[in-house]
């Protein structure tokens, strides 16, 4: 099949507001899930930083706050898929960084933790880097035909990444090392978004055969392992640090695939490519700064009952 590039039309810009709504759901979902996990840790009397036990999982499923958070994250996925069906991957995926701003404000208010100058500066770098990237991508990126060769390349790369992620999980599952879990989840979800975009593209092209089904299976595998990484990250780091990884590392991975494999930046001028690289580096520096300077990054900071947020859906203790 001849690789083709489609011009971005006005309809495709509707993917941007959908991605913004999805980012908001991601922020609130992460806050509720983190809150639920911290409460379960107190009930079970065992940290999940060294791996979720069956006791943790059973208790999580009975925790209204964790269930609400999961539902909100599910809605975030729905809006993300909707945005991917309208716009190129490298435009809508980085917009999730809006969730980082919301989560940082929520977590600071809920936990009563003051974010110092270095944390705020790191947060600003992450946000500014992604905003610059999306701004340029919105006017230089183009959707392209998803060929068999592209899918095979993505699947092979994902196989290697999945193997490395499993090795990391086995090696660090008994250690509370938030950054490892966050990076792992971000990379996995970057591939999940890519597979979602690829499957949507194949459906729009009227092609849904064994290769597309393989992408669906890979998407589910990546999402499942990514979810495990995220839950462990909640126990060893604050929710805004977790969301920082998901909204910066995830889009950077997805964008790299979008540029290198899907050719979504095939028509971009040289200066735009330079901006892609520089803005991505700025965003990564911001995430590393958050991991280093955040007052809660050394371990989970369980919410106290006094600091617990008011939950309209569950006025008691969820």
Protein backbone atom coordinates (compact mmCIF):
# COMPACT_ATOMS: atom_id res chain seq x y z
CA UNK A 1 0.00 0.00 0.00
CA UNK A 2 1.38 3.42 -0.90
CA UNK A 3 2.01 5.59 2.15
CA UNK A 4 -0.13 8.71 1.96
CA UNK A 5 -0.46 11.81 4.08
CA UNK A 6 -3.82 13.46 4.62
CA UNK A 7 -4.12 17.23 5.01
CA UNK A 8 -5.37 18.37 8.40
CA UNK A 9 -8.90 19.73 7.98
CA UNK A 10 -10.96 21.90 10.37
CA UNK A 11 -12.93 18.87 11.62
CA UNK A 12 -9.76 17.33 12.98
CA UNK A 13 -9.24 20.25 15.36
CA UNK A 14 -12.27 18.98 17.33
CA UNK A 15 -9.95 16.33 18.71
CA UNK A 16 -8.29 19.02 20.84
CA UNK A 17 -11.30 19.87 23.10
CA UNK A 18 -12.07 16.16 23.46
CA UNK A 19 -8.50 15.59 24.62
CA UNK A 20 -8.85 18.46 27.12
CA UNK A 21 -11.97 16.89 28.66
CA UNK A 22 -10.18 13.54 28.80
CA UNK A 23 -7.25 15.20 30.62
CA UNK A 24 -9.62 16.55 33.26
CA UNK A 25 -11.11 13.09 33.83
CA UNK A 26 -7.57 11.71 34.08
CA UNK A 27 -6.65 14.22 36.79
CA UNK A 28 -9.69 13.55 38.98
CA UNK A 29 -9.50 9.81 38.35
CA UNK A 30 -5.86 9.70 39.45
CA UNK A 31 -6.65 11.67 42.61
CA UNK A 32 -9.52 9.36 43.60
CA UNK A 33 -7.54 6.20 42.82
CA UNK A 34 -4.56 7.43 44.83
CA UNK A 35 -6.84 8.31 47.73
CA UNK A 36 -8.49 4.89 47.64
CA UNK A 37 -5.16 3.04 47.51
CA UNK A 38 -3.72 5.01 50.44
CA UNK A 39 -6.77 4.16 52.55
CA UNK A 40 -6.57 0.49 51.58
CA UNK A 41 -2.91 0.42 52.64
CA UNK A 42 -3.93 1.63 56.08
CA UNK A 43 -6.70 -0.95 56.30
CA UNK A 44 -4.56 -3.86 55.11
CA UNK A 45 -1.58 -2.64 57.12
CA UNK A 46 0.81 -3.25 54.23
CA UNK A 47 2.30 -0.87 51.68
CA UNK A 48 1.55 -1.57 48.01
CA UNK A 49 4.85 -0.03 47.01
CA UNK A 50 6.42 -3.47 46.92
CA UNK A 51 3.61 -4.90 44.82
CA UNK A 52 -0.16 -5.25 45.06
CA UNK A 53 -1.30 -8.26 47.08
CA UNK A 54 -4.64 -10.03 46.67
CA UNK A 55 -5.67 -8.35 49.92
CA UNK A 56 -5.00 -4.96 48.34
CA UNK A 57 -6.94 -5.85 45.20
CA UNK A 58 -9.99 -7.16 47.10
CA UNK A 59 -10.07 -4.07 49.30
CA UNK A 60 -9.64 -1.72 46.33
CA UNK A 61 -12.68 -3.19 44.60
CA UNK A 62 -14.73 -2.38 47.73
CA UNK A 63 -13.41 1.19 48.05
CA UNK A 64 -15.89 3.70 46.52
CA UNK A 65 -13.15 6.31 45.99
CA UNK A 66 -10.97 3.87 44.05
CA UNK A 67 -13.93 2.63 42.00
CA UNK A 68 -14.98 6.22 41.21
CA UNK A 69 -11.42 6.97 40.15
CA UNK A 70 -11.39 3.92 37.89
CA UNK A 71 -14.66 5.00 36.26
CA UNK A 72 -13.28 8.49 35.68
CA UNK A 73 -10.12 7.04 34.13
CA UNK A 74 -12.34 4.91 31.92
CA UNK A 75 -14.12 8.06 30.74
CA UNK A 76 -10.72 9.64 30.11
CA UNK A 77 -9.89 6.73 27.81
CA UNK A 78 -13.21 7.15 25.96
CA UNK A 79 -12.54 10.83 25.29
CA UNK A 80 -8.95 10.06 24.32
CA UNK A 81 -10.12 7.51 21.76
CA UNK A 82 -12.61 10.05 20.45
CA UNK A 83 -9.87 12.65 20.05
CA UNK A 84 -7.58 10.12 18.34
CA UNK A 85 -10.33 9.30 15.85
CA UNK A 86 -10.39 12.96 14.77
CA UNK A 87 -6.81 14.23 15.03
CA UNK A 88 -3.23 13.02 14.52
CA UNK A 89 -1.64 11.24 17.46
CA UNK A 90 1.10 13.83 17.94
CA UNK A 91 -1.47 16.62 18.40
CA UNK A 92 -3.93 15.22 20.92
CA UNK A 93 -1.72 12.92 23.01
CA UNK A 94 0.42 15.67 24.59
CA UNK A 95 -2.69 17.65 25.61
CA UNK A 96 -3.02 15.31 28.58
CA UNK A 97 -0.49 17.54 30.35
CA UNK A 98 -3.47 19.71 31.34
CA UNK A 99 -4.30 16.87 33.73
CA UNK A 100 -0.95 17.48 35.42
CA UNK A 101 -1.91 21.06 36.29
CA UNK A 102 -5.28 19.99 37.70
CA UNK A 103 -3.77 17.09 39.66
CA UNK A 104 -1.03 19.24 41.18
CA UNK A 105 -3.59 21.76 42.44
CA UNK A 106 -5.88 19.01 43.75
CA UNK A 107 -3.13 17.08 45.51
CA UNK A 108 -1.66 20.19 47.11
CA UNK A 109 -5.07 21.16 48.45
CA UNK A 110 -6.04 17.66 49.55
CA UNK A 111 -2.78 16.67 51.25
CA UNK A 112 -1.95 20.10 52.60
CA UNK A 113 1.52 19.86 51.06
CA UNK A 114 3.05 23.14 49.95
CA UNK A 115 4.75 23.00 46.58
CA UNK A 116 8.07 24.84 46.78
CA UNK A 117 9.69 26.99 44.12
CA UNK A 118 11.69 24.13 42.60
CA UNK A 119 8.58 21.95 42.33
CA UNK A 120 6.60 24.77 40.72
CA UNK A 121 9.48 25.48 38.36
CA UNK A 122 9.65 21.79 37.37
CA UNK A 123 5.90 21.72 36.84
CA UNK A 124 6.13 24.84 34.66
CA UNK A 125 8.89 23.29 32.54
CA UNK A 126 6.82 20.14 31.95
CA UNK A 127 3.75 22.13 30.97
CA UNK A 128 5.55 24.70 28.82
CA UNK A 129 7.45 22.00 26.97
CA UNK A 130 4.27 20.15 26.05
CA UNK A 131 2.33 23.33 25.21
CA UNK A 132 5.07 24.40 22.80
CA UNK A 133 5.06 20.94 21.24
CA UNK A 134 1.29 20.83 20.72
CA UNK A 135 1.15 24.37 19.35
CA UNK A 136 3.67 23.57 16.62
CA UNK A 137 2.27 20.09 15.97
CA UNK A 138 -1.26 21.45 15.50
CA UNK A 139 -0.15 23.29 12.38
CA UNK A 140 2.50 20.93 11.00
CA UNK A 141 1.24 17.39 11.72
CA UNK A 142 -0.79 15.34 9.27
CA UNK A 143 -2.71 12.07 9.52
CA UNK A 144 -1.25 9.25 7.42
CA UNK A 145 -2.36 5.88 6.10
CA UNK A 146 -1.64 3.04 8.55
CA UNK A 147 0.08 0.36 6.46
CA UNK A 148 0.87 -3.27 7.35
CA UNK A 149 4.58 -2.45 7.49
CA UNK A 150 3.94 0.29 10.07
CA UNK A 151 1.85 -2.03 12.26
CA UNK A 152 4.49 -4.76 12.17
CA UNK A 153 7.21 -2.27 13.15
CA UNK A 154 5.14 -1.01 16.09
CA UNK A 155 4.27 -4.55 17.23
CA UNK A 156 7.90 -5.73 17.17
CA UNK A 157 9.03 -2.64 19.10
CA UNK A 158 6.25 -3.12 21.62
CA UNK A 159 7.26 -6.76 22.13
CA UNK A 160 10.74 -5.64 23.18
CA UNK A 161 9.33 -2.90 25.44
CA UNK A 162 6.85 -5.31 27.05
CA UNK A 163 9.65 -7.76 27.85
CA UNK A 164 11.77 -4.99 29.41
CA UNK A 165 8.76 -3.76 31.41
CA UNK A 166 8.17 -7.25 32.82
CA UNK A 167 11.85 -7.52 33.79
CA UNK A 168 11.67 -4.13 35.50
CA UNK A 169 8.52 -5.12 37.35
CA UNK A 170 10.06 -8.34 38.63
CA UNK A 171 13.27 -6.56 39.58
CA UNK A 172 11.67 -3.62 41.40
CA UNK A 173 8.39 -5.04 42.71
CA UNK A 174 9.80 -5.26 46.25
CA UNK A 175 11.14 -1.70 46.20
CA UNK A 176 9.26 1.58 46.53
CA UNK A 177 10.80 3.31 43.52
CA UNK A 178 8.14 5.61 42.07
CA UNK A 179 10.12 6.82 39.04
CA UNK A 180 10.63 3.27 37.71
CA UNK A 181 6.91 2.54 37.88
CA UNK A 182 6.02 5.94 36.41
CA UNK A 183 8.41 5.67 33.47
CA UNK A 184 7.27 2.10 32.83
CA UNK A 185 3.60 3.10 32.87
CA UNK A 186 4.25 6.14 30.67
CA UNK A 187 6.06 4.10 28.02
CA UNK A 188 3.41 1.37 28.04
CA UNK A 189 0.54 3.84 27.76
CA UNK A 190 2.38 5.58 24.94
CA UNK A 191 2.17 2.34 22.99
CA UNK A 192 -1.46 1.83 24.09
CA UNK A 193 -2.38 5.21 22.59
CA UNK A 194 -0.45 4.33 19.43
CA UNK A 195 -2.26 1.03 19.05
CA UNK A 196 -5.60 2.78 19.63
CA UNK A 197 -4.77 5.26 16.87
CA UNK A 198 -3.61 2.46 14.57
CA UNK A 199 -6.78 0.40 15.12
CA UNK A 200 -8.96 3.47 14.56
CA UNK A 201 -7.04 4.23 11.37
CA UNK A 202 -7.50 0.69 10.08
CA UNK A 203 -11.23 0.83 10.81
CA UNK A 204 -11.50 4.13 8.96
CA UNK A 205 -9.64 2.52 6.04
CA UNK A 206 -12.04 -0.44 6.09
CA UNK A 207 -9.30 -2.90 7.07
CA UNK A 208 -9.81 -5.10 10.11
CA UNK A 209 -7.92 -8.37 9.74
CA UNK A 210 -5.55 -10.50 11.87
CA UNK A 211 -2.88 -7.79 12.07
CA UNK A 212 -5.38 -5.31 13.44
CA UNK A 213 -6.63 -7.90 15.94
CA UNK A 214 -3.03 -8.41 17.05
CA UNK A 215 -2.85 -4.68 17.75
CA UNK A 216 -6.02 -4.96 19.87
CA UNK A 217 -4.45 -7.76 21.92
CA UNK A 218 -1.23 -5.75 22.34
CA UNK A 219 -3.29 -2.72 23.39
CA UNK A 220 -5.03 -4.72 26.13
CA UNK A 221 -1.75 -6.25 27.34
CA UNK A 222 -0.08 -2.84 27.53
CA UNK A 223 -3.06 -1.28 29.31
CA UNK A 224 -3.20 -4.10 31.90
CA UNK A 225 0.50 -4.00 32.77
CA UNK A 226 0.45 -0.19 32.69
CA UNK A 227 -2.39 -0.19 35.21
CA UNK A 228 -0.36 -2.43 37.54
CA UNK A 229 2.59 -0.04 37.26
CA UNK A 230 0.35 2.94 38.03
CA UNK A 231 -1.14 1.36 41.16
CA UNK A 232 2.34 0.61 42.50
CA UNK A 233 3.45 4.15 41.66
CA UNK A 234 0.59 5.61 43.72
CA UNK A 235 2.00 3.86 46.78
CA UNK A 236 5.53 5.20 46.35
CA UNK A 237 4.83 8.68 44.99
CA UNK A 238 2.22 11.48 44.99
CA UNK A 239 -0.55 11.46 42.37
CA UNK A 240 0.73 14.61 40.63
CA UNK A 241 4.11 12.92 40.07
CA UNK A 242 2.33 9.86 38.68
CA UNK A 243 0.20 12.00 36.37
CA UNK A 244 3.32 13.93 35.34
CA UNK A 245 4.84 10.70 34.08
CA UNK A 246 1.68 9.66 32.28
CA UNK A 247 1.08 13.05 30.67
CA UNK A 248 4.68 13.71 29.63
CA UNK A 249 6.40 10.36 29.08
CA UNK A 250 3.29 8.80 27.50
CA UNK A 251 2.91 11.49 24.80
CA UNK A 252 6.65 11.66 24.14
CA UNK A 253 6.68 7.92 23.37
CA UNK A 254 3.50 8.17 21.31
CA UNK A 255 4.83 11.22 19.48
CA UNK A 256 8.12 9.51 18.64
CA UNK A 257 6.18 6.62 17.15
CA UNK A 258 3.86 9.05 15.36
CA UNK A 259 6.83 10.87 13.82
CA UNK A 260 9.18 7.97 13.11
CA UNK A 261 6.77 5.16 12.20
CA UNK A 262 3.42 6.75 11.28
CA UNK A 263 5.06 9.69 9.44
CA UNK A 264 2.65 12.22 10.94
CA UNK A 265 5.36 14.88 10.78
CA UNK A 266 6.39 14.06 7.22
CA UNK A 267 5.39 17.52 5.99
CA UNK A 268 6.84 19.46 8.92
CA UNK A 269 9.66 21.93 8.16
CA UNK A 270 13.10 21.43 9.72
CA UNK A 271 12.57 24.17 12.33
CA UNK A 272 9.42 22.41 13.58
CA UNK A 273 11.36 19.18 14.11
CA UNK A 274 13.95 21.13 16.13
CA UNK A 275 11.13 22.56 18.28
CA UNK A 276 9.73 19.04 18.78
CA UNK A 277 13.08 17.86 20.15
CA UNK A 278 13.79 20.88 22.34
CA UNK A 279 10.29 21.11 23.81
CA UNK A 280 10.31 17.38 24.54
CA UNK A 281 13.62 17.72 26.37
CA UNK A 282 12.27 20.63 28.43
CA UNK A 283 9.22 18.56 29.42
CA UNK A 284 11.37 15.58 30.46
CA UNK A 285 13.58 17.84 32.59
CA UNK A 286 10.42 19.06 34.30
CA UNK A 287 9.32 15.51 35.19
CA UNK A 288 12.77 14.62 36.53
CA UNK A 289 12.65 17.79 38.63
CA UNK A 290 9.26 16.81 40.04
CA UNK A 291 10.60 13.36 40.96
CA UNK A 292 13.62 14.93 42.66
CA UNK A 293 12.12 17.91 44.47
CA UNK A 294 8.51 16.95 45.24
CA UNK A 295 8.09 16.74 49.06
CA UNK A 296 6.08 13.52 48.74
CA UNK A 297 8.32 11.81 46.19
CA UNK A 298 10.31 9.86 48.74
CA UNK A 299 7.38 7.58 49.45
CA UNK A 300 3.67 7.51 49.70
CA UNK A 301 2.17 10.24 51.73
CA UNK A 302 -1.10 8.74 52.90
CA UNK A 303 -3.94 11.13 53.25
CA UNK A 304 -5.07 11.73 56.77
CA UNK A 305 -8.73 11.78 57.51
CA UNK A 306 -8.48 15.48 58.32
CA UNK A 307 -6.89 16.18 54.97
CA UNK A 308 -9.27 14.01 53.00
CA UNK A 309 -11.13 15.87 50.26
CA UNK A 310 -14.83 16.35 50.35
CA UNK A 311 -16.37 13.74 48.10
CA UNK A 312 -19.85 14.75 46.95
CA UNK A 313 -20.59 11.22 45.83
CA UNK A 314 -19.46 9.68 49.11
CA UNK A 315 -19.85 12.17 51.97
CA UNK A 316 -18.66 9.65 54.51
CA UNK A 317 -15.27 7.91 54.32
CA UNK A 318 -14.96 6.18 50.94
